N, C-alpha and C. Protein backbone atom coordinates (compact mmCIF):
# COMPACT_ATOMS: atom_id res chain seq x y z
N MET A 1 -43.08 -60.27 0.37
CA MET A 1 -44.38 -59.58 0.84
C MET A 1 -44.46 -57.95 -0.03
N ILE A 2 -44.80 -58.02 -0.73
CA ILE A 2 -45.07 -56.45 -0.78
C ILE A 2 -46.07 -55.99 0.19
N PRO A 3 -45.71 -54.68 0.38
CA PRO A 3 -46.50 -54.26 1.82
C PRO A 3 -48.08 -53.30 1.77
N SER A 4 -49.38 -53.11 2.57
CA SER A 4 -49.68 -52.13 1.20
C SER A 4 -50.27 -51.66 2.40
N ILE A 5 -51.17 -50.79 1.36
CA ILE A 5 -51.50 -49.84 3.16
C ILE A 5 -53.51 -50.34 2.13
N GLN A 6 -54.66 -50.02 3.90
CA GLN A 6 -55.76 -50.33 2.97
C GLN A 6 -56.65 -49.26 3.42
N LEU A 7 -57.01 -48.88 2.90
CA LEU A 7 -57.73 -47.22 3.37
C LEU A 7 -59.59 -47.45 3.36
N LEU A 8 -60.09 -47.23 5.14
CA LEU A 8 -60.84 -47.36 4.66
C LEU A 8 -62.68 -46.63 5.01
N CYS A 9 -63.78 -46.60 4.48
CA CYS A 9 -64.67 -45.81 4.66
C CYS A 9 -65.77 -46.21 5.56
N GLY A 10 -65.59 -46.20 6.66
CA GLY A 10 -67.20 -47.32 7.62
C GLY A 10 -66.13 -48.97 7.56
N ARG A 11 -67.31 -49.09 7.24
CA ARG A 11 -66.13 -51.52 7.20
C ARG A 11 -65.61 -51.91 5.49
N GLU A 12 -66.36 -50.47 4.88
CA GLU A 12 -65.57 -50.59 3.01
C GLU A 12 -64.13 -50.72 2.74
N LYS A 13 -63.55 -50.93 2.24
CA LYS A 13 -62.32 -50.79 2.17
C LYS A 13 -61.91 -49.85 0.65
N ILE A 14 -61.66 -48.63 0.52
CA ILE A 14 -61.62 -48.24 -0.81
C ILE A 14 -60.30 -47.91 -1.62
N MET A 15 -59.51 -48.35 -0.93
CA MET A 15 -57.81 -48.12 -1.74
C MET A 15 -57.02 -49.65 -1.17
N VAL A 16 -56.30 -50.42 -1.92
CA VAL A 16 -55.77 -50.35 -1.29
C VAL A 16 -53.80 -49.94 -2.55
N ILE A 17 -53.00 -49.68 -1.57
CA ILE A 17 -51.83 -48.48 -2.01
C ILE A 17 -50.63 -49.87 -1.85
N THR A 18 -50.18 -50.29 -2.70
CA THR A 18 -49.26 -50.78 -2.87
C THR A 18 -47.32 -50.09 -2.21
N ILE A 19 -46.70 -50.30 -2.09
CA ILE A 19 -45.41 -49.65 -1.91
C ILE A 19 -43.77 -50.79 -1.85
N LEU A 20 -42.73 -50.77 -2.90
CA LEU A 20 -41.73 -51.18 -3.21
C LEU A 20 -41.13 -51.04 -2.25
N SER A 21 -40.28 -51.86 -1.51
CA SER A 21 -39.73 -51.99 -1.03
C SER A 21 -38.65 -51.30 -1.39
N THR A 22 -37.94 -50.20 -0.03
CA THR A 22 -36.89 -49.54 -0.33
C THR A 22 -35.53 -50.17 -2.00
N GLY A 23 -35.10 -51.42 -0.93
CA GLY A 23 -34.31 -52.03 -1.90
C GLY A 23 -34.84 -52.23 -3.94
N ASP A 24 -36.45 -52.80 -3.71
CA ASP A 24 -36.47 -52.67 -5.08
C ASP A 24 -36.45 -51.36 -5.83
N MET A 25 -36.62 -50.21 -4.17
CA MET A 25 -36.45 -48.73 -4.99
C MET A 25 -35.75 -48.18 -5.49
N VAL A 26 -34.33 -48.90 -4.98
CA VAL A 26 -33.30 -48.49 -5.25
C VAL A 26 -32.55 -48.94 -6.83
N ARG A 27 -33.15 -50.89 -6.37
CA ARG A 27 -32.50 -51.16 -7.59
C ARG A 27 -33.13 -51.00 -9.21
N ALA A 28 -33.82 -49.81 -9.25
CA ALA A 28 -34.98 -49.28 -9.65
C ALA A 28 -33.50 -48.55 -10.23
N TYR A 29 -34.16 -47.21 -8.87
CA TYR A 29 -33.12 -46.38 -9.23
C TYR A 29 -32.00 -46.94 -9.99
N LEU A 30 -30.90 -46.82 -9.50
CA LEU A 30 -29.68 -48.33 -10.19
C LEU A 30 -29.49 -48.30 -12.18
N SER A 31 -30.46 -49.40 -12.47
CA SER A 31 -31.01 -49.71 -12.44
C SER A 31 -31.44 -48.39 -14.47
N SER A 32 -32.50 -47.67 -13.49
CA SER A 32 -32.34 -47.30 -14.78
C SER A 32 -32.09 -45.85 -15.15
N ASN A 33 -30.82 -45.93 -14.33
CA ASN A 33 -29.95 -44.59 -14.68
C ASN A 33 -28.12 -45.90 -14.82
N GLY A 34 -28.16 -46.66 -15.08
CA GLY A 34 -27.75 -47.74 -16.10
C GLY A 34 -26.40 -48.73 -14.90
N LEU A 35 -26.56 -48.00 -13.98
CA LEU A 35 -25.82 -48.95 -12.79
C LEU A 35 -26.86 -49.66 -12.24
N THR A 36 -25.85 -50.73 -11.76
CA THR A 36 -25.48 -52.02 -10.59
C THR A 36 -25.54 -51.94 -9.50
N VAL A 37 -26.56 -53.05 -8.39
CA VAL A 37 -26.07 -52.56 -6.56
C VAL A 37 -24.46 -52.95 -6.85
N SER A 38 -23.60 -53.94 -7.54
CA SER A 38 -22.20 -54.29 -8.04
C SER A 38 -21.52 -52.25 -7.68
N ASP A 39 -22.49 -51.85 -9.09
CA ASP A 39 -21.66 -50.56 -8.49
C ASP A 39 -21.79 -49.81 -7.14
N LEU A 40 -23.27 -49.56 -6.19
CA LEU A 40 -23.26 -48.59 -5.46
C LEU A 40 -21.73 -49.19 -4.43
N ILE A 41 -21.75 -51.30 -4.25
CA ILE A 41 -20.55 -51.44 -3.25
C ILE A 41 -19.34 -50.62 -3.80
N ARG A 42 -18.77 -51.34 -5.36
CA ARG A 42 -17.14 -50.98 -5.14
C ARG A 42 -17.71 -49.23 -5.63
N GLU A 43 -18.09 -48.58 -6.22
CA GLU A 43 -17.80 -47.59 -5.40
C GLU A 43 -17.63 -46.35 -4.93
N ASN A 44 -17.96 -46.66 -3.49
CA ASN A 44 -18.22 -46.57 -2.08
C ASN A 44 -17.97 -46.64 -0.96
N GLY A 45 -17.04 -48.59 -0.54
CA GLY A 45 -16.54 -48.92 -0.83
C GLY A 45 -17.44 -49.90 0.38
N LEU A 46 -18.95 -50.06 0.41
CA LEU A 46 -19.26 -50.81 0.77
C LEU A 46 -19.27 -52.25 1.25
N SER A 47 -19.72 -52.72 2.60
CA SER A 47 -19.58 -53.49 2.92
C SER A 47 -20.86 -54.76 1.96
N ARG A 48 -20.54 -55.56 1.11
CA ARG A 48 -21.47 -56.52 0.32
C ARG A 48 -22.41 -57.10 0.90
N GLU A 49 -22.31 -57.27 1.91
CA GLU A 49 -22.86 -58.16 3.30
C GLU A 49 -24.23 -56.88 3.35
N THR A 50 -23.47 -55.91 3.72
CA THR A 50 -24.92 -55.29 4.66
C THR A 50 -25.09 -55.10 3.37
N VAL A 51 -24.71 -54.63 1.47
CA VAL A 51 -26.02 -53.78 1.01
C VAL A 51 -27.16 -55.09 0.77
N ASN A 52 -26.39 -56.26 1.02
CA ASN A 52 -26.79 -58.47 -0.14
C ASN A 52 -27.89 -58.10 1.12
N PHE A 53 -28.08 -58.19 2.23
CA PHE A 53 -28.86 -57.86 3.69
C PHE A 53 -30.00 -56.54 3.01
N PHE A 54 -29.72 -55.33 3.06
CA PHE A 54 -30.38 -54.63 2.36
C PHE A 54 -31.35 -55.07 1.57
N MET A 55 -30.46 -54.93 0.22
CA MET A 55 -31.66 -55.62 -0.56
C MET A 55 -32.83 -55.82 -0.29
N GLU A 56 -31.64 -57.18 -0.33
CA GLU A 56 -32.69 -58.65 0.22
C GLU A 56 -33.89 -58.33 1.42
N ASP A 57 -33.88 -56.82 2.12
CA ASP A 57 -35.33 -56.31 2.61
C ASP A 57 -35.00 -57.37 3.91
N LYS A 58 -33.50 -58.09 4.89
CA LYS A 58 -33.48 -58.15 5.34
C LYS A 58 -33.47 -57.02 6.84
N ILE A 59 -33.05 -56.21 6.09
CA ILE A 59 -32.36 -54.60 7.19
C ILE A 59 -32.30 -54.25 7.30
N LYS A 60 -32.51 -52.95 7.54
CA LYS A 60 -33.42 -51.71 6.93
C LYS A 60 -32.34 -50.51 6.01
N MET A 61 -32.16 -49.75 5.89
CA MET A 61 -32.01 -49.29 4.60
C MET A 61 -30.50 -47.97 5.57
N PRO A 62 -28.86 -48.54 5.67
CA PRO A 62 -28.11 -47.66 6.37
C PRO A 62 -27.91 -47.16 5.69
N SER A 63 -27.58 -45.51 6.49
CA SER A 63 -27.24 -44.21 6.32
C SER A 63 -26.00 -44.92 5.42
N SER A 64 -24.61 -45.53 5.57
CA SER A 64 -23.84 -45.86 4.27
C SER A 64 -24.05 -45.66 2.71
N VAL A 65 -25.26 -46.21 2.75
CA VAL A 65 -26.38 -46.66 1.69
C VAL A 65 -26.74 -45.10 1.12
N ALA A 66 -27.68 -44.97 1.60
CA ALA A 66 -28.35 -44.07 1.56
C ALA A 66 -27.13 -42.37 0.78
N ILE A 67 -26.04 -42.77 1.49
CA ILE A 67 -24.66 -42.16 1.14
C ILE A 67 -24.12 -42.15 0.21
N GLY A 68 -24.12 -43.08 -0.50
CA GLY A 68 -23.34 -43.78 -1.89
C GLY A 68 -24.55 -44.52 -2.75
N MET A 69 -26.19 -43.79 -2.32
CA MET A 69 -26.62 -43.50 -3.92
C MET A 69 -26.50 -42.10 -4.04
N HIS A 70 -26.34 -41.34 -3.58
CA HIS A 70 -26.61 -39.74 -3.72
C HIS A 70 -25.11 -39.23 -3.25
N SER A 71 -23.93 -39.80 -3.97
CA SER A 71 -22.86 -39.96 -4.30
C SER A 71 -22.54 -40.45 -5.59
N LEU A 72 -23.54 -41.19 -5.98
CA LEU A 72 -24.09 -41.84 -7.86
C LEU A 72 -24.88 -41.43 -7.91
N LEU A 73 -26.23 -40.39 -7.08
CA LEU A 73 -27.21 -40.24 -8.54
C LEU A 73 -27.39 -38.60 -7.27
N PRO A 74 -26.86 -37.88 -7.96
CA PRO A 74 -27.48 -36.70 -7.11
C PRO A 74 -28.21 -35.82 -6.47
N ASP A 75 -28.60 -36.74 -7.57
CA ASP A 75 -30.00 -35.94 -7.60
C ASP A 75 -31.62 -36.54 -6.88
N ILE A 76 -30.38 -37.97 -6.03
CA ILE A 76 -31.96 -37.89 -5.30
C ILE A 76 -31.29 -37.52 -4.33
N SER A 77 -31.69 -36.70 -3.03
CA SER A 77 -30.71 -37.02 -1.72
C SER A 77 -30.89 -37.70 -0.38
N GLU A 78 -30.33 -38.47 0.00
CA GLU A 78 -30.06 -39.03 1.52
C GLU A 78 -31.17 -39.17 2.48
N GLU A 79 -32.12 -37.33 2.14
CA GLU A 79 -32.85 -37.40 3.11
C GLU A 79 -34.23 -38.64 2.87
N PHE A 80 -34.31 -38.22 1.61
CA PHE A 80 -34.78 -38.67 0.36
C PHE A 80 -35.54 -40.34 0.90
N LEU A 81 -34.10 -41.08 0.24
CA LEU A 81 -34.06 -42.16 0.60
C LEU A 81 -34.04 -42.88 2.04
N ILE A 82 -33.74 -42.50 3.40
CA ILE A 82 -34.09 -42.64 4.72
C ILE A 82 -35.02 -42.64 5.02
N GLY A 83 -36.41 -41.50 4.42
CA GLY A 83 -37.19 -41.21 4.55
C GLY A 83 -38.61 -42.05 3.76
N TYR A 84 -38.02 -42.21 3.22
CA TYR A 84 -38.70 -43.63 2.23
C TYR A 84 -38.79 -45.20 3.26
N ASP A 85 -37.15 -44.63 3.24
CA ASP A 85 -37.45 -46.19 3.82
C ASP A 85 -37.96 -46.21 5.40
N ALA A 86 -38.02 -45.28 5.99
CA ALA A 86 -38.86 -44.93 7.16
C ALA A 86 -40.66 -45.58 7.25
N LYS A 87 -40.72 -44.78 6.19
CA LYS A 87 -42.91 -44.89 5.56
C LYS A 87 -42.03 -46.60 4.99
N TYR A 88 -41.64 -46.96 4.32
CA TYR A 88 -42.08 -49.08 4.21
C TYR A 88 -41.75 -49.55 5.03
N GLN A 89 -40.53 -49.98 6.82
CA GLN A 89 -41.12 -50.16 7.28
C GLN A 89 -41.48 -50.19 8.53
N LEU A 90 -42.46 -48.70 8.54
CA LEU A 90 -43.38 -48.76 8.80
C LEU A 90 -44.81 -49.31 8.40
N GLN A 91 -44.95 -49.55 7.21
CA GLN A 91 -45.94 -50.38 6.21
C GLN A 91 -45.85 -51.87 6.39
N LYS A 92 -44.59 -52.08 6.36
CA LYS A 92 -43.75 -53.60 6.64
C LYS A 92 -44.04 -54.30 8.04
N VAL A 93 -44.41 -53.24 8.98
CA VAL A 93 -44.39 -53.70 10.56
C VAL A 93 -46.44 -53.98 10.17
N LYS A 94 -47.19 -53.10 9.56
CA LYS A 94 -48.79 -52.55 10.15
C LYS A 94 -49.05 -54.04 9.27
N SER A 95 -48.38 -53.96 7.83
CA SER A 95 -48.55 -54.74 7.01
C SER A 95 -48.90 -56.56 7.95
N ASP A 96 -47.49 -56.55 9.08
CA ASP A 96 -47.27 -58.05 9.33
C ASP A 96 -48.16 -58.69 11.10
N LYS A 97 -50.00 -57.71 11.26
CA LYS A 97 -49.97 -57.20 12.60
C LYS A 97 -51.28 -58.22 11.61
C-alpha cells in the first residue's frame, strides 16, 4: 500500500500526494544507474536478509543500506535517504489510521 497525504481545505479534500516506499525509490535509483539490489548487497557486504526485508517494506531503512547506496551512487547522500525514509515511515503510520 502506498501511503498518501490528503490535504484538506475546510471539509474538502484538495489534493492527494502519494510517495514511493523507500525500497521502491532505492530500486529506481539503482535501476536508472544500471545497478541491481544484488549489486548493492555484493558491493557493500550487506546482509541479503536485511536488505530484502527493507526492500519489501517490512523494516525501516538500515543505516548500512544508506551508506551502501552512497558508496555506489555518491550523488545520493545518506542524509537524503534517511530523511526520505523518515518521511515515508511517518506517512505510512498516518495512512494506517
